[in-house]
Amino acid sequence: MNVEKNEILLIYNSSLLIDRQAYAYAKSLKNHNLKSIDLKHDRLTETQIMELTQKLDIEPQELIDTQSSEYLRYFSNTELTDNSTLKALKQNPMIMKTPIAVYSDRAEFVKTPYEFIKKDMVVK
C-alpha cells in the first residue's frame, strides 16, 4: 500500500452509510489527495491486509467487524488464527471494520466522518 505524503487511502464499504459519509468528507478535502478502495467492489490481498494491520499496529483479528451479518453467518462459531483471518478477510471483505484511513506513515479507524475536516485543517 503505497501512500504518499498528503495522500489518504480510504478503505471503506459503500454499503454502509457512515462509510459513504466518510468517503464524501475525504473527497472534499483540499489539502489531501484521495485514493480509495471500496470493499463492496474490490478485495485486498493477504499481503495488503497484513500491511494494513502493521500500519494500524493491531492483530489481524482486530480488523474483523464481529457485528457484521457476514461474520455472524459464517464465522461466529469459528476460532480464527492470524493466517485464517487473513484468508477470511480476503475472501469476505465485508467482514472488515471500516472505514480506515491510511496515511504515508500510519493508518487509523475513522470513528466519525467529520474527522477528515480536522485532518485537512492541520495540513500547512
N, C-alpha and C. Protein backbone atom coordinates (compact mmCIF):
# COMPACT_ATOMS: atom_id res chain seq x y z
N MET A 1 0.84 -1.18 0.00
CA MET A 1 0.00 0.00 0.00
C MET A 1 0.88 1.23 0.00
N ASN A 2 1.05 1.78 -1.16
CA ASN A 2 1.90 2.95 -1.29
C ASN A 2 1.04 4.20 -1.17
N VAL A 3 1.26 4.96 -0.11
CA VAL A 3 0.53 6.20 0.12
C VAL A 3 1.56 7.31 0.29
N GLU A 4 1.44 8.33 -0.53
CA GLU A 4 2.38 9.45 -0.49
C GLU A 4 1.97 10.45 0.59
N LYS A 5 2.90 11.35 0.90
CA LYS A 5 2.60 12.43 1.85
C LYS A 5 1.45 13.27 1.31
N ASN A 6 0.55 13.68 2.18
CA ASN A 6 -0.65 14.45 1.83
C ASN A 6 -1.63 13.67 0.96
N GLU A 7 -1.52 12.35 1.01
CA GLU A 7 -2.48 11.47 0.35
C GLU A 7 -3.19 10.67 1.43
N ILE A 8 -4.42 10.33 1.17
CA ILE A 8 -5.18 9.45 2.05
C ILE A 8 -5.71 8.31 1.20
N LEU A 9 -5.50 7.10 1.69
CA LEU A 9 -6.14 5.94 1.09
C LEU A 9 -7.29 5.58 2.02
N LEU A 10 -8.51 5.68 1.54
CA LEU A 10 -9.67 5.35 2.36
C LEU A 10 -10.17 3.97 1.96
N ILE A 11 -10.16 3.08 2.93
CA ILE A 11 -10.73 1.74 2.72
C ILE A 11 -12.11 1.78 3.36
N TYR A 12 -13.13 1.57 2.55
CA TYR A 12 -14.49 1.72 3.04
C TYR A 12 -15.43 0.72 2.37
N ASN A 13 -16.65 0.67 2.88
CA ASN A 13 -17.68 -0.23 2.37
C ASN A 13 -18.87 0.64 1.98
N SER A 14 -19.08 0.82 0.69
CA SER A 14 -20.15 1.72 0.24
C SER A 14 -21.55 1.22 0.57
N SER A 15 -21.65 0.03 1.12
CA SER A 15 -22.96 -0.46 1.58
C SER A 15 -23.37 0.18 2.90
N LEU A 16 -22.41 0.80 3.59
CA LEU A 16 -22.67 1.36 4.91
C LEU A 16 -22.74 2.89 4.84
N LEU A 17 -23.76 3.47 5.46
CA LEU A 17 -23.98 4.91 5.42
C LEU A 17 -22.78 5.68 5.98
N ILE A 18 -22.29 5.30 7.14
CA ILE A 18 -21.17 6.03 7.76
C ILE A 18 -19.93 5.99 6.86
N ASP A 19 -19.73 4.90 6.17
CA ASP A 19 -18.58 4.79 5.26
C ASP A 19 -18.77 5.72 4.05
N ARG A 20 -19.98 5.80 3.52
CA ARG A 20 -20.25 6.71 2.40
C ARG A 20 -20.05 8.16 2.84
N GLN A 21 -20.45 8.47 4.08
CA GLN A 21 -20.24 9.82 4.60
C GLN A 21 -18.75 10.12 4.75
N ALA A 22 -17.99 9.16 5.27
CA ALA A 22 -16.54 9.34 5.41
C ALA A 22 -15.91 9.57 4.04
N TYR A 23 -16.35 8.82 3.04
CA TYR A 23 -15.83 8.98 1.68
C TYR A 23 -16.14 10.38 1.15
N ALA A 24 -17.35 10.85 1.38
CA ALA A 24 -17.73 12.19 0.89
C ALA A 24 -16.88 13.27 1.54
N TYR A 25 -16.66 13.17 2.85
CA TYR A 25 -15.81 14.16 3.52
C TYR A 25 -14.38 14.06 3.02
N ALA A 26 -13.87 12.87 2.87
CA ALA A 26 -12.49 12.69 2.41
C ALA A 26 -12.33 13.25 0.99
N LYS A 27 -13.33 13.06 0.17
CA LYS A 27 -13.29 13.54 -1.21
C LYS A 27 -13.28 15.07 -1.27
N SER A 28 -13.85 15.71 -0.26
CA SER A 28 -13.94 17.18 -0.26
C SER A 28 -12.69 17.86 0.29
N LEU A 29 -11.71 17.11 0.77
CA LEU A 29 -10.51 17.71 1.35
C LEU A 29 -9.72 18.47 0.30
N LYS A 30 -9.25 19.63 0.69
CA LYS A 30 -8.47 20.47 -0.23
C LYS A 30 -6.98 20.18 -0.14
N ASN A 31 -6.49 19.77 1.04
CA ASN A 31 -5.05 19.61 1.26
C ASN A 31 -4.57 18.16 1.15
N HIS A 32 -5.44 17.26 0.77
CA HIS A 32 -5.08 15.85 0.62
C HIS A 32 -5.61 15.32 -0.71
N ASN A 33 -4.87 14.45 -1.31
CA ASN A 33 -5.37 13.70 -2.47
C ASN A 33 -5.98 12.41 -1.95
N LEU A 34 -7.07 11.99 -2.55
CA LEU A 34 -7.78 10.81 -2.08
C LEU A 34 -7.62 9.65 -3.05
N LYS A 35 -7.23 8.52 -2.49
CA LYS A 35 -7.32 7.23 -3.19
C LYS A 35 -8.29 6.41 -2.35
N SER A 36 -9.02 5.52 -2.97
CA SER A 36 -9.99 4.76 -2.20
C SER A 36 -10.10 3.32 -2.69
N ILE A 37 -10.50 2.47 -1.75
CA ILE A 37 -10.81 1.08 -2.05
C ILE A 37 -12.17 0.81 -1.43
N ASP A 38 -13.14 0.49 -2.26
CA ASP A 38 -14.48 0.16 -1.80
C ASP A 38 -14.58 -1.36 -1.70
N LEU A 39 -14.69 -1.87 -0.49
CA LEU A 39 -14.71 -3.31 -0.28
C LEU A 39 -15.95 -3.98 -0.84
N LYS A 40 -16.95 -3.20 -1.20
CA LYS A 40 -18.13 -3.77 -1.85
C LYS A 40 -17.76 -4.25 -3.26
N HIS A 41 -16.75 -3.61 -3.86
CA HIS A 41 -16.38 -3.92 -5.23
C HIS A 41 -14.96 -4.47 -5.37
N ASP A 42 -14.10 -4.18 -4.41
CA ASP A 42 -12.69 -4.56 -4.51
C ASP A 42 -12.28 -5.41 -3.32
N ARG A 43 -11.25 -6.20 -3.54
CA ARG A 43 -10.70 -7.04 -2.47
C ARG A 43 -9.24 -6.67 -2.25
N LEU A 44 -8.82 -6.81 -1.01
CA LEU A 44 -7.42 -6.63 -0.68
C LEU A 44 -6.74 -8.00 -0.71
N THR A 45 -5.47 -8.00 -1.02
CA THR A 45 -4.71 -9.24 -0.96
C THR A 45 -4.33 -9.52 0.49
N GLU A 46 -3.90 -10.73 0.77
CA GLU A 46 -3.46 -11.06 2.13
C GLU A 46 -2.26 -10.19 2.51
N THR A 47 -1.39 -9.91 1.57
CA THR A 47 -0.23 -9.06 1.84
C THR A 47 -0.68 -7.64 2.19
N GLN A 48 -1.64 -7.10 1.44
CA GLN A 48 -2.16 -5.77 1.74
C GLN A 48 -2.83 -5.72 3.11
N ILE A 49 -3.57 -6.77 3.44
CA ILE A 49 -4.23 -6.83 4.74
C ILE A 49 -3.19 -6.86 5.85
N MET A 50 -2.13 -7.63 5.66
CA MET A 50 -1.06 -7.70 6.65
C MET A 50 -0.38 -6.34 6.80
N GLU A 51 -0.11 -5.65 5.69
CA GLU A 51 0.47 -4.31 5.75
C GLU A 51 -0.45 -3.36 6.50
N LEU A 52 -1.74 -3.50 6.28
CA LEU A 52 -2.72 -2.67 6.97
C LEU A 52 -2.67 -2.90 8.47
N THR A 53 -2.60 -4.15 8.89
CA THR A 53 -2.53 -4.44 10.33
C THR A 53 -1.26 -3.85 10.94
N GLN A 54 -0.17 -3.86 10.18
CA GLN A 54 1.08 -3.28 10.68
C GLN A 54 0.96 -1.76 10.82
N LYS A 55 0.34 -1.11 9.85
CA LYS A 55 0.17 0.34 9.94
C LYS A 55 -0.80 0.73 11.06
N LEU A 56 -1.80 -0.13 11.29
CA LEU A 56 -2.75 0.12 12.38
C LEU A 56 -2.18 -0.31 13.74
N ASP A 57 -1.11 -1.12 13.71
CA ASP A 57 -0.48 -1.68 14.91
C ASP A 57 -1.48 -2.53 15.69
N ILE A 58 -2.12 -3.45 14.95
CA ILE A 58 -3.10 -4.36 15.56
C ILE A 58 -2.86 -5.78 15.05
N GLU A 59 -3.51 -6.73 15.68
CA GLU A 59 -3.51 -8.12 15.23
C GLU A 59 -4.58 -8.27 14.14
N PRO A 60 -4.41 -9.20 13.21
CA PRO A 60 -5.39 -9.37 12.13
C PRO A 60 -6.83 -9.53 12.62
N GLN A 61 -7.03 -10.24 13.73
CA GLN A 61 -8.39 -10.46 14.23
C GLN A 61 -9.10 -9.15 14.59
N GLU A 62 -8.33 -8.12 14.91
CA GLU A 62 -8.92 -6.83 15.28
C GLU A 62 -9.48 -6.07 14.08
N LEU A 63 -9.21 -6.55 12.88
CA LEU A 63 -9.78 -5.97 11.67
C LEU A 63 -11.20 -6.46 11.41
N ILE A 64 -11.60 -7.49 12.11
CA ILE A 64 -12.91 -8.09 11.85
C ILE A 64 -14.02 -7.36 12.60
N ASP A 65 -15.07 -7.05 11.87
CA ASP A 65 -16.29 -6.49 12.47
C ASP A 65 -17.16 -7.66 12.91
N THR A 66 -17.07 -7.99 14.18
CA THR A 66 -17.78 -9.16 14.70
C THR A 66 -19.30 -8.96 14.75
N GLN A 67 -19.76 -7.76 14.42
CA GLN A 67 -21.20 -7.50 14.38
C GLN A 67 -21.77 -7.57 12.96
N SER A 68 -20.90 -7.72 11.97
CA SER A 68 -21.39 -7.76 10.59
C SER A 68 -22.18 -9.05 10.35
N SER A 69 -23.17 -8.94 9.50
CA SER A 69 -24.02 -10.11 9.23
C SER A 69 -23.22 -11.25 8.60
N GLU A 70 -22.25 -10.92 7.75
CA GLU A 70 -21.42 -11.96 7.13
C GLU A 70 -20.58 -12.70 8.16
N TYR A 71 -20.03 -11.95 9.11
CA TYR A 71 -19.25 -12.59 10.16
C TYR A 71 -20.15 -13.51 10.99
N LEU A 72 -21.28 -13.00 11.39
CA LEU A 72 -22.20 -13.79 12.22
C LEU A 72 -22.68 -15.04 11.48
N ARG A 73 -22.89 -14.93 10.19
CA ARG A 73 -23.38 -16.05 9.40
C ARG A 73 -22.31 -17.13 9.21
N TYR A 74 -21.08 -16.72 8.92
CA TYR A 74 -20.06 -17.69 8.51
C TYR A 74 -18.97 -17.98 9.54
N PHE A 75 -18.70 -17.05 10.45
CA PHE A 75 -17.52 -17.21 11.29
C PHE A 75 -17.75 -17.11 12.79
N SER A 76 -18.95 -16.85 13.23
CA SER A 76 -19.17 -16.58 14.65
C SER A 76 -18.78 -17.76 15.55
N ASN A 77 -18.88 -18.96 15.06
CA ASN A 77 -18.52 -20.14 15.86
C ASN A 77 -17.17 -20.72 15.47
N THR A 78 -16.34 -19.89 14.85
CA THR A 78 -15.04 -20.35 14.37
C THR A 78 -13.94 -19.57 15.06
N GLU A 79 -12.94 -20.28 15.53
CA GLU A 79 -11.77 -19.60 16.08
C GLU A 79 -10.78 -19.38 14.94
N LEU A 80 -10.49 -18.11 14.66
CA LEU A 80 -9.63 -17.78 13.55
C LEU A 80 -8.21 -17.49 14.02
N THR A 81 -7.24 -18.11 13.36
CA THR A 81 -5.84 -17.81 13.61
C THR A 81 -5.46 -16.59 12.76
N ASP A 82 -4.26 -16.09 12.92
CA ASP A 82 -3.82 -14.96 12.09
C ASP A 82 -3.94 -15.31 10.61
N ASN A 83 -3.47 -16.50 10.25
CA ASN A 83 -3.49 -16.93 8.86
C ASN A 83 -4.91 -17.10 8.33
N SER A 84 -5.77 -17.75 9.09
CA SER A 84 -7.14 -17.95 8.64
C SER A 84 -7.92 -16.63 8.63
N THR A 85 -7.54 -15.70 9.50
CA THR A 85 -8.16 -14.38 9.48
C THR A 85 -7.83 -13.64 8.20
N LEU A 86 -6.57 -13.69 7.78
CA LEU A 86 -6.16 -13.06 6.53
C LEU A 86 -6.93 -13.65 5.35
N LYS A 87 -7.06 -14.97 5.33
CA LYS A 87 -7.81 -15.63 4.26
C LYS A 87 -9.29 -15.24 4.29
N ALA A 88 -9.86 -15.20 5.49
CA ALA A 88 -11.27 -14.83 5.63
C ALA A 88 -11.52 -13.40 5.16
N LEU A 89 -10.63 -12.48 5.53
CA LEU A 89 -10.78 -11.09 5.11
C LEU A 89 -10.61 -10.93 3.60
N LYS A 90 -9.73 -11.73 3.02
CA LYS A 90 -9.54 -11.68 1.57
C LYS A 90 -10.79 -12.19 0.85
N GLN A 91 -11.32 -13.31 1.31
CA GLN A 91 -12.47 -13.92 0.64
C GLN A 91 -13.80 -13.23 0.98
N ASN A 92 -13.87 -12.61 2.17
CA ASN A 92 -15.12 -11.98 2.63
C ASN A 92 -14.81 -10.56 3.11
N PRO A 93 -14.50 -9.65 2.20
CA PRO A 93 -14.08 -8.30 2.62
C PRO A 93 -15.13 -7.54 3.42
N MET A 94 -16.38 -7.96 3.32
CA MET A 94 -17.45 -7.26 4.04
C MET A 94 -17.39 -7.48 5.55
N ILE A 95 -16.52 -8.36 6.03
CA ILE A 95 -16.40 -8.55 7.47
C ILE A 95 -15.35 -7.62 8.09
N MET A 96 -14.71 -6.80 7.26
CA MET A 96 -13.68 -5.89 7.77
C MET A 96 -14.31 -4.65 8.40
N LYS A 97 -13.74 -4.23 9.54
CA LYS A 97 -14.15 -2.97 10.16
C LYS A 97 -13.73 -1.84 9.23
N THR A 98 -14.65 -0.98 8.95
CA THR A 98 -14.38 0.17 8.09
C THR A 98 -15.12 1.37 8.65
N PRO A 99 -14.80 2.56 8.21
CA PRO A 99 -13.75 2.96 7.28
C PRO A 99 -12.39 3.04 7.96
N ILE A 100 -11.35 2.91 7.14
CA ILE A 100 -9.97 3.00 7.60
C ILE A 100 -9.26 4.02 6.72
N ALA A 101 -8.60 4.97 7.35
CA ALA A 101 -7.80 5.96 6.64
C ALA A 101 -6.34 5.54 6.73
N VAL A 102 -5.70 5.41 5.58
CA VAL A 102 -4.29 5.03 5.53
C VAL A 102 -3.50 6.24 5.05
N TYR A 103 -2.50 6.62 5.84
CA TYR A 103 -1.62 7.74 5.52
C TYR A 103 -0.24 7.17 5.18
N SER A 104 0.68 8.02 4.81
CA SER A 104 2.01 7.55 4.43
C SER A 104 2.73 6.86 5.59
N ASP A 105 2.48 7.29 6.81
CA ASP A 105 3.21 6.76 7.96
C ASP A 105 2.38 5.95 8.94
N ARG A 106 1.07 5.89 8.75
CA ARG A 106 0.21 5.19 9.71
C ARG A 106 -1.17 4.96 9.09
N ALA A 107 -2.01 4.29 9.86
CA ALA A 107 -3.41 4.11 9.48
C ALA A 107 -4.24 4.21 10.74
N GLU A 108 -5.51 4.49 10.58
CA GLU A 108 -6.41 4.56 11.74
C GLU A 108 -7.84 4.30 11.31
N PHE A 109 -8.59 3.74 12.24
CA PHE A 109 -10.01 3.57 12.01
C PHE A 109 -10.66 4.95 12.09
N VAL A 110 -11.57 5.23 11.20
CA VAL A 110 -12.28 6.50 11.20
C VAL A 110 -13.49 6.33 12.12
N LYS A 111 -13.45 7.01 13.25
CA LYS A 111 -14.53 6.88 14.22
C LYS A 111 -15.76 7.68 13.81
N THR A 112 -15.52 8.82 13.19
CA THR A 112 -16.60 9.67 12.71
C THR A 112 -16.17 10.31 11.39
N PRO A 113 -17.07 10.43 10.44
CA PRO A 113 -16.71 11.02 9.14
C PRO A 113 -16.16 12.44 9.26
N TYR A 114 -16.52 13.15 10.29
CA TYR A 114 -16.09 14.54 10.46
C TYR A 114 -14.61 14.67 10.81
N GLU A 115 -13.95 13.55 11.15
CA GLU A 115 -12.52 13.58 11.48
C GLU A 115 -11.71 14.15 10.33
N PHE A 116 -12.15 13.93 9.12
CA PHE A 116 -11.37 14.37 7.96
C PHE A 116 -11.28 15.89 7.89
N ILE A 117 -12.31 16.57 8.35
CA ILE A 117 -12.27 18.03 8.34
C ILE A 117 -11.12 18.51 9.22
N LYS A 118 -10.97 17.92 10.40
CA LYS A 118 -9.89 18.29 11.30
C LYS A 118 -8.53 17.99 10.68
N LYS A 119 -8.41 16.83 10.02
CA LYS A 119 -7.14 16.43 9.39
C LYS A 119 -6.73 17.46 8.34
N ASP A 120 -7.68 17.93 7.57
CA ASP A 120 -7.38 18.86 6.49
C ASP A 120 -6.93 20.22 7.05
N MET A 121 -7.46 20.59 8.19
CA MET A 121 -7.13 21.88 8.76
C MET A 121 -5.71 21.95 9.30
N VAL A 122 -5.14 20.81 9.72
CA VAL A 122 -3.81 20.83 10.30
C VAL A 122 -2.69 20.75 9.27
N VAL A 123 -3.03 20.50 8.02
CA VAL A 123 -2.02 20.46 6.96
C VAL A 123 -1.67 21.87 6.55
N LYS A 124 -0.37 22.15 6.44
CA LYS A 124 0.06 23.51 6.07
C LYS A 124 0.11 23.65 4.57
